[in-house]
Amino acid sequence: MTINKFVAAGLAALAFSTLAPAHAALLVSSDSAAGNIVTDYSAAGAVSFDLELVNFTGTTLNFVLQEADIGGPLSLSAMVLNLSGMSFPQFTFGLQGIRFAAPGTVTAFTQDLSVNSSFYNAAITFANGEPAEFQFGNPTVVDGRSDWLLDTSGMRAGDTFSIVAEVPEPSTVALMLPLLLGGLMVARRRQG
């Protein structure tokens, strides 16, 4: 009987492991003082989440790298849904403990936008303020769009990083714009 139980337990464990996908870039916490909602869809080699903005306070998402994330860039995509009832003129993603390897696309469904990015920040400016939602990267897997890439070189499984998502205050935007432009100029000089 014990052999039958052992075999049954082994088969159950095998079935469970094939049904539950390997989860990498594990979201360990999200900090939003005002109740913004984060739904995590991350998988091996990819960070993906929905961020539902109930209000415009910043939200910090804390991740732990897993073995499947190491050895190449990590893709990043997010759907940002504005549930506040007010539009916002800008949105930023800031990185701590990791940096962007390459920019991807940003798509708004109602208007034009511009994106300024450096190794550690991506600032999105909307022509008329964003009342609804936008996609950072390609969370819905649409042809012609691409995810942003995160650089994992020099990192190991167990290392942590954070993504800070926020609608900046107008004074913060005025201070951050020169820093972003300076970062772009340095990056272009290195390429040329």
C-alpha atoms as a PDB file:
ATOM      1  CA  MET A   1       0.000   0.000   0.000  1.00  0.00           C
ATOM      2  CA  THR A   2       2.783   2.459   0.800  1.00  0.00           C
ATOM      3  CA  ILE A   3       4.216   2.079  -2.706  1.00  0.00           C
ATOM      4  CA  ASN A   4       0.798   2.882  -4.200  1.00  0.00           C
ATOM      5  CA  LYS A   5       0.539   5.985  -1.979  1.00  0.00           C
ATOM      6  CA  PHE A   6       4.069   7.016  -2.958  1.00  0.00           C
ATOM      7  CA  VAL A   7       3.295   6.607  -6.682  1.00  0.00           C
ATOM      8  CA  ALA A   8      -0.028   8.477  -6.298  1.00  0.00           C
ATOM      9  CA  ALA A   9       1.688  11.333  -4.443  1.00  0.00           C
ATOM     10  CA  GLY A  10       4.388  11.501  -7.112  1.00  0.00           C
ATOM     11  CA  LEU A  11       1.821  11.600  -9.912  1.00  0.00           C
ATOM     12  CA  ALA A  12      -0.158  14.291  -8.095  1.00  0.00           C
ATOM     13  CA  ALA A  13       2.990  16.383  -7.630  1.00  0.00           C
ATOM     14  CA  LEU A  14       3.906  15.944 -11.298  1.00  0.00           C
ATOM     15  CA  ALA A  15       0.398  16.923 -12.408  1.00  0.00           C
ATOM     16  CA  PHE A  16       0.449  19.981 -10.154  1.00  0.00           C
ATOM     17  CA  SER A  17       3.860  21.080 -11.425  1.00  0.00           C
ATOM     18  CA  THR A  18       2.744  20.880 -15.064  1.00  0.00           C
ATOM     19  CA  LEU A  19      -0.479  22.760 -14.322  1.00  0.00           C
ATOM     20  CA  ALA A  20       1.191  25.523 -12.304  1.00  0.00           C
ATOM     21  CA  PRO A  21       3.582  27.414 -14.570  1.00  0.00           C
ATOM     22  CA  ALA A  22       7.016  28.410 -13.330  1.00  0.00           C
ATOM     23  CA  HIS A  23       6.576  31.852 -11.881  1.00  0.00           C
ATOM     24  CA  ALA A  24       9.533  34.149 -12.306  1.00  0.00           C
ATOM     25  CA  ALA A  25      10.199  37.803 -11.499  1.00  0.00           C
ATOM     26  CA  LEU A  26       8.030  37.175  -8.497  1.00  0.00           C
ATOM     27  CA  LEU A  27       5.985  40.172  -7.322  1.00  0.00           C
ATOM     28  CA  VAL A  28       6.516  40.080  -3.560  1.00  0.00           C
ATOM     29  CA  SER A  29       4.660  43.272  -2.639  1.00  0.00           C
ATOM     30  CA  SER A  30       3.034  46.397  -3.976  1.00  0.00           C
ATOM     31  CA  ASP A  31       2.791  49.538  -1.911  1.00  0.00           C
ATOM     32  CA  SER A  32       0.051  52.044  -2.616  1.00  0.00           C
ATOM     33  CA  ALA A  33      -1.157  54.139   0.285  1.00  0.00           C
ATOM     34  CA  ALA A  34      -4.371  55.032  -1.477  1.00  0.00           C
ATOM     35  CA  GLY A  35      -5.592  51.665  -2.742  1.00  0.00           C
ATOM     36  CA  ASN A  36      -4.456  51.446  -6.364  1.00  0.00           C
ATOM     37  CA  ILE A  37      -4.880  47.827  -7.479  1.00  0.00           C
ATOM     38  CA  VAL A  38      -2.116  45.683  -9.006  1.00  0.00           C
ATOM     39  CA  THR A  39      -2.847  42.412 -10.819  1.00  0.00           C
ATOM     40  CA  ASP A  40       0.320  40.451 -11.595  1.00  0.00           C
ATOM     41  CA  TYR A  41       0.686  38.375 -14.784  1.00  0.00           C
ATOM     42  CA  SER A  42       4.473  37.886 -14.636  1.00  0.00           C
ATOM     43  CA  ALA A  43       5.977  34.662 -15.969  1.00  0.00           C
ATOM     44  CA  ALA A  44       9.457  33.315 -16.642  1.00  0.00           C
ATOM     45  CA  GLY A  45      11.442  36.048 -18.381  1.00  0.00           C
ATOM     46  CA  ALA A  46       8.584  38.566 -18.305  1.00  0.00           C
ATOM     47  CA  VAL A  47       7.227  41.170 -15.894  1.00  0.00           C
ATOM     48  CA  SER A  48       3.615  41.982 -16.710  1.00  0.00           C
ATOM     49  CA  PHE A  49       0.870  43.582 -14.659  1.00  0.00           C
ATOM     50  CA  ASP A  50      -2.295  45.683 -14.686  1.00  0.00           C
ATOM     51  CA  LEU A  51      -2.336  48.826 -12.575  1.00  0.00           C
ATOM     52  CA  GLU A  52      -5.781  50.199 -11.758  1.00  0.00           C
ATOM     53  CA  LEU A  53      -5.456  53.814 -10.635  1.00  0.00           C
ATOM     54  CA  VAL A  54      -8.122  54.661  -8.089  1.00  0.00           C
ATOM     55  CA  ASN A  55      -6.196  57.888  -7.430  1.00  0.00           C
ATOM     56  CA  PHE A  56      -2.878  59.372  -8.439  1.00  0.00           C
ATOM     57  CA  THR A  57      -0.646  58.452  -5.530  1.00  0.00           C
ATOM     58  CA  GLY A  58       2.461  56.494  -6.471  1.00  0.00           C
ATOM     59  CA  THR A  59       2.531  52.712  -6.439  1.00  0.00           C
ATOM     60  CA  THR A  60       5.734  50.735  -5.847  1.00  0.00           C
ATOM     61  CA  LEU A  61       5.936  47.148  -7.099  1.00  0.00           C
ATOM     62  CA  ASN A  62       8.715  45.035  -5.554  1.00  0.00           C
ATOM     63  CA  PHE A  63      10.022  41.999  -7.442  1.00  0.00           C
ATOM     64  CA  VAL A  64      12.495  39.172  -6.750  1.00  0.00           C
ATOM     65  CA  LEU A  65      14.379  37.705  -9.708  1.00  0.00           C
ATOM     66  CA  GLN A  66      14.109  33.967 -10.195  1.00  0.00           C
ATOM     67  CA  GLU A  67      16.543  31.677 -12.018  1.00  0.00           C
ATOM     68  CA  ALA A  68      14.429  31.802 -15.230  1.00  0.00           C
ATOM     69  CA  ASP A  69      14.931  35.599 -15.429  1.00  0.00           C
ATOM     70  CA  ILE A  70      18.720  35.494 -15.593  1.00  0.00           C
ATOM     71  CA  GLY A  71      20.790  35.274 -18.753  1.00  0.00           C
ATOM     72  CA  GLY A  72      18.963  37.710 -20.971  1.00  0.00           C
ATOM     73  CA  PRO A  73      16.811  40.777 -20.904  1.00  0.00           C
ATOM     74  CA  LEU A  74      13.551  40.617 -18.993  1.00  0.00           C
ATOM     75  CA  SER A  75      10.499  41.907 -20.880  1.00  0.00           C
ATOM     76  CA  LEU A  76       8.204  44.460 -19.224  1.00  0.00           C
ATOM     77  CA  SER A  77       4.619  45.281 -20.124  1.00  0.00           C
ATOM     78  CA  ALA A  78       1.762  46.885 -18.224  1.00  0.00           C
ATOM     79  CA  MET A  79      -1.818  47.986 -18.725  1.00  0.00           C
ATOM     80  CA  VAL A  80      -2.545  51.185 -16.791  1.00  0.00           C
ATOM     81  CA  LEU A  81      -6.248  51.769 -16.225  1.00  0.00           C
ATOM     82  CA  ASN A  82      -7.446  55.168 -15.017  1.00  0.00           C
ATOM     83  CA  LEU A  83     -10.409  54.599 -12.668  1.00  0.00           C
ATOM     84  CA  SER A  84     -10.070  57.948 -10.875  1.00  0.00           C
ATOM     85  CA  GLY A  85     -12.565  59.887 -12.997  1.00  0.00           C
ATOM     86  CA  MET A  86      -9.932  62.581 -13.702  1.00  0.00           C
ATOM     87  CA  SER A  87      -7.453  62.718 -16.558  1.00  0.00           C
ATOM     88  CA  PHE A  88      -3.701  62.973 -15.980  1.00  0.00           C
ATOM     89  CA  PRO A  89      -1.199  64.772 -18.235  1.00  0.00           C
ATOM     90  CA  GLN A  90       1.824  62.571 -17.487  1.00  0.00           C
ATOM     91  CA  PHE A  91       2.813  59.207 -16.086  1.00  0.00           C
ATOM     92  CA  THR A  92       6.214  57.819 -15.120  1.00  0.00           C
ATOM     93  CA  PHE A  93       7.747  54.424 -14.513  1.00  0.00           C
ATOM     94  CA  GLY A  94      10.912  54.631 -12.422  1.00  0.00           C
ATOM     95  CA  LEU A  95      13.253  51.704 -11.837  1.00  0.00           C
ATOM     96  CA  GLN A  96      15.256  50.899  -8.713  1.00  0.00           C
ATOM     97  CA  GLY A  97      17.796  48.046  -8.662  1.00  0.00           C
ATOM     98  CA  ILE A  98      17.510  47.361 -12.394  1.00  0.00           C
ATOM     99  CA  ARG A  99      17.633  49.443 -15.585  1.00  0.00           C
ATOM    100  CA  PHE A 100      16.064  49.566 -19.014  1.00  0.00           C
ATOM    101  CA  ALA A 101      17.991  47.685 -21.703  1.00  0.00           C
ATOM    102  CA  ALA A 102      15.781  48.929 -24.561  1.00  0.00           C
ATOM    103  CA  PRO A 103      12.597  50.965 -24.927  1.00  0.00           C
ATOM    104  CA  GLY A 104       9.375  49.480 -26.235  1.00  0.00           C
ATOM    105  CA  THR A 105       6.107  50.982 -27.345  1.00  0.00           C
ATOM    106  CA  VAL A 106       3.512  52.967 -25.430  1.00  0.00           C
ATOM    107  CA  THR A 107      -0.031  53.060 -26.774  1.00  0.00           C
ATOM    108  CA  ALA A 108      -2.938  55.273 -25.736  1.00  0.00           C
ATOM    109  CA  PHE A 109      -6.308  54.652 -27.313  1.00  0.00           C
ATOM    110  CA  THR A 110      -7.680  58.177 -27.314  1.00  0.00           C
ATOM    111  CA  GLN A 111      -4.821  60.536 -28.229  1.00  0.00           C
ATOM    112  CA  ASP A 112      -1.234  61.294 -29.134  1.00  0.00           C
ATOM    113  CA  LEU A 113       1.554  60.927 -26.620  1.00  0.00           C
ATOM    114  CA  SER A 114       5.290  61.381 -26.311  1.00  0.00           C
ATOM    115  CA  VAL A 115       7.797  59.285 -24.379  1.00  0.00           C
ATOM    116  CA  ASN A 116      11.124  60.338 -22.878  1.00  0.00           C
ATOM    117  CA  SER A 117      13.230  57.606 -21.321  1.00  0.00           C
ATOM    118  CA  SER A 118      16.593  57.050 -19.710  1.00  0.00           C
ATOM    119  CA  PHE A 119      18.140  53.944 -18.153  1.00  0.00           C
ATOM    120  CA  TYR A 120      16.026  54.342 -15.013  1.00  0.00           C
ATOM    121  CA  ASN A 121      12.908  56.312 -16.018  1.00  0.00           C
ATOM    122  CA  ALA A 122      10.220  56.410 -18.672  1.00  0.00           C
ATOM    123  CA  ALA A 123       8.047  59.542 -18.729  1.00  0.00           C
ATOM    124  CA  ILE A 124       4.896  59.510 -20.855  1.00  0.00           C
ATOM    125  CA  THR A 125       3.212  62.821 -21.722  1.00  0.00           C
ATOM    126  CA  PHE A 126      -0.341  62.795 -23.087  1.00  0.00           C
ATOM    127  CA  ALA A 127      -1.476  65.529 -25.493  1.00  0.00           C
ATOM    128  CA  ASN A 128      -4.780  66.178 -23.706  1.00  0.00           C
ATOM    129  CA  GLY A 129      -4.494  64.223 -20.467  1.00  0.00           C
ATOM    130  CA  GLU A 130      -5.294  60.503 -20.266  1.00  0.00           C
ATOM    131  CA  PRO A 131      -8.875  59.832 -19.114  1.00  0.00           C
ATOM    132  CA  ALA A 132      -9.003  56.057 -19.649  1.00  0.00           C
ATOM    133  CA  GLU A 133      -6.016  53.741 -20.154  1.00  0.00           C
ATOM    134  CA  PHE A 134      -2.735  53.127 -21.894  1.00  0.00           C
ATOM    135  CA  GLN A 135      -0.449  50.179 -22.602  1.00  0.00           C
ATOM    136  CA  PHE A 136       3.223  50.239 -21.663  1.00  0.00           C
ATOM    137  CA  GLY A 137       4.887  47.653 -23.865  1.00  0.00           C
ATOM    138  CA  ASN A 138       2.690  45.005 -25.459  1.00  0.00           C
ATOM    139  CA  PRO A 139       0.528  43.384 -22.753  1.00  0.00           C
ATOM    140  CA  THR A 140      -2.170  42.353 -25.244  1.00  0.00           C
ATOM    141  CA  VAL A 141       0.295  40.884 -27.800  1.00  0.00           C
ATOM    142  CA  VAL A 142      -0.580  43.054 -30.794  1.00  0.00           C
ATOM    143  CA  ASP A 143       1.572  42.924 -33.951  1.00  0.00           C
ATOM    144  CA  GLY A 144       3.819  45.953 -34.395  1.00  0.00           C
ATOM    145  CA  ARG A 145       4.111  46.689 -30.658  1.00  0.00           C
ATOM    146  CA  SER A 146       6.980  45.662 -28.401  1.00  0.00           C
ATOM    147  CA  ASP A 147       7.706  45.221 -24.704  1.00  0.00           C
ATOM    148  CA  TRP A 148      10.262  47.292 -22.869  1.00  0.00           C
ATOM    149  CA  LEU A 149      13.356  45.315 -21.890  1.00  0.00           C
ATOM    150  CA  LEU A 150      15.033  45.243 -18.484  1.00  0.00           C
ATOM    151  CA  ASP A 151      18.770  44.566 -18.193  1.00  0.00           C
ATOM    152  CA  THR A 152      19.513  41.609 -15.879  1.00  0.00           C
ATOM    153  CA  SER A 153      23.247  41.435 -16.640  1.00  0.00           C
ATOM    154  CA  GLY A 154      25.270  41.098 -13.461  1.00  0.00           C
ATOM    155  CA  MET A 155      22.184  40.110 -11.462  1.00  0.00           C
ATOM    156  CA  ARG A 156      21.469  36.790  -9.770  1.00  0.00           C
ATOM    157  CA  ALA A 157      18.411  34.849  -8.702  1.00  0.00           C
ATOM    158  CA  GLY A 158      17.181  36.342  -5.439  1.00  0.00           C
ATOM    159  CA  ASP A 159      18.159  39.924  -6.325  1.00  0.00           C
ATOM    160  CA  THR A 160      15.364  42.462  -5.922  1.00  0.00           C
ATOM    161  CA  PHE A 161      14.192  45.426  -7.952  1.00  0.00           C
ATOM    162  CA  SER A 162      11.302  47.872  -7.821  1.00  0.00           C
ATOM    163  CA  ILE A 163       9.104  49.671 -10.317  1.00  0.00           C
ATOM    164  CA  VAL A 164       7.633  52.965  -9.121  1.00  0.00           C
ATOM    165  CA  ALA A 165       4.543  53.961 -11.109  1.00  0.00           C
ATOM    166  CA  GLU A 166       3.162  57.440 -10.579  1.00  0.00           C
ATOM    167  CA  VAL A 167       1.437  60.497 -11.922  1.00  0.00           C
ATOM    168  CA  PRO A 168       4.011  63.199 -11.165  1.00  0.00           C
ATOM    169  CA  GLU A 169       3.028  66.530  -9.664  1.00  0.00           C
ATOM    170  CA  PRO A 170       3.593  69.460 -12.046  1.00  0.00           C
ATOM    171  CA  SER A 171       6.601  70.700 -10.026  1.00  0.00           C
ATOM    172  CA  THR A 172       8.160  67.213 -10.144  1.00  0.00           C
ATOM    173  CA  VAL A 173       7.722  67.117 -13.926  1.00  0.00           C
ATOM    174  CA  ALA A 174       9.477  70.453 -14.295  1.00  0.00           C
ATOM    175  CA  LEU A 175      12.448  69.138 -12.289  1.00  0.00           C
ATOM    176  CA  MET A 176      12.587  65.740 -13.986  1.00  0.00           C
ATOM    177  CA  LEU A 177      12.409  66.901 -17.630  1.00  0.00           C
ATOM    178  CA  PRO A 178      15.961  68.323 -17.730  1.00  0.00           C
ATOM    179  CA  LEU A 179      17.298  65.103 -16.172  1.00  0.00           C
ATOM    180  CA  LEU A 180      15.577  62.985 -18.815  1.00  0.00           C
ATOM    181  CA  LEU A 181      16.798  65.215 -21.635  1.00  0.00           C
ATOM    182  CA  GLY A 182      20.346  65.098 -20.217  1.00  0.00           C
ATOM    183  CA  GLY A 183      20.180  61.291 -20.099  1.00  0.00           C
ATOM    184  CA  LEU A 184      19.059  61.170 -23.725  1.00  0.00           C
ATOM    185  CA  MET A 185      21.914  63.437 -24.795  1.00  0.00           C
ATOM    186  CA  VAL A 186      24.479  61.240 -23.001  1.00  0.00           C
ATOM    187  CA  ALA A 187      23.021  58.097 -24.578  1.00  0.00           C
ATOM    188  CA  ARG A 188      23.161  59.632 -28.069  1.00  0.00           C
ATOM    189  CA  ARG A 189      26.757  60.726 -27.603  1.00  0.00           C
ATOM    190  CA  ARG A 190      27.700  57.167 -26.630  1.00  0.00           C
ATOM    191  CA  GLN A 191      26.031  55.817 -29.775  1.00  0.00           C
ATOM    192  CA  GLY A 192      27.696  58.327 -32.101  1.00  0.00           C
END
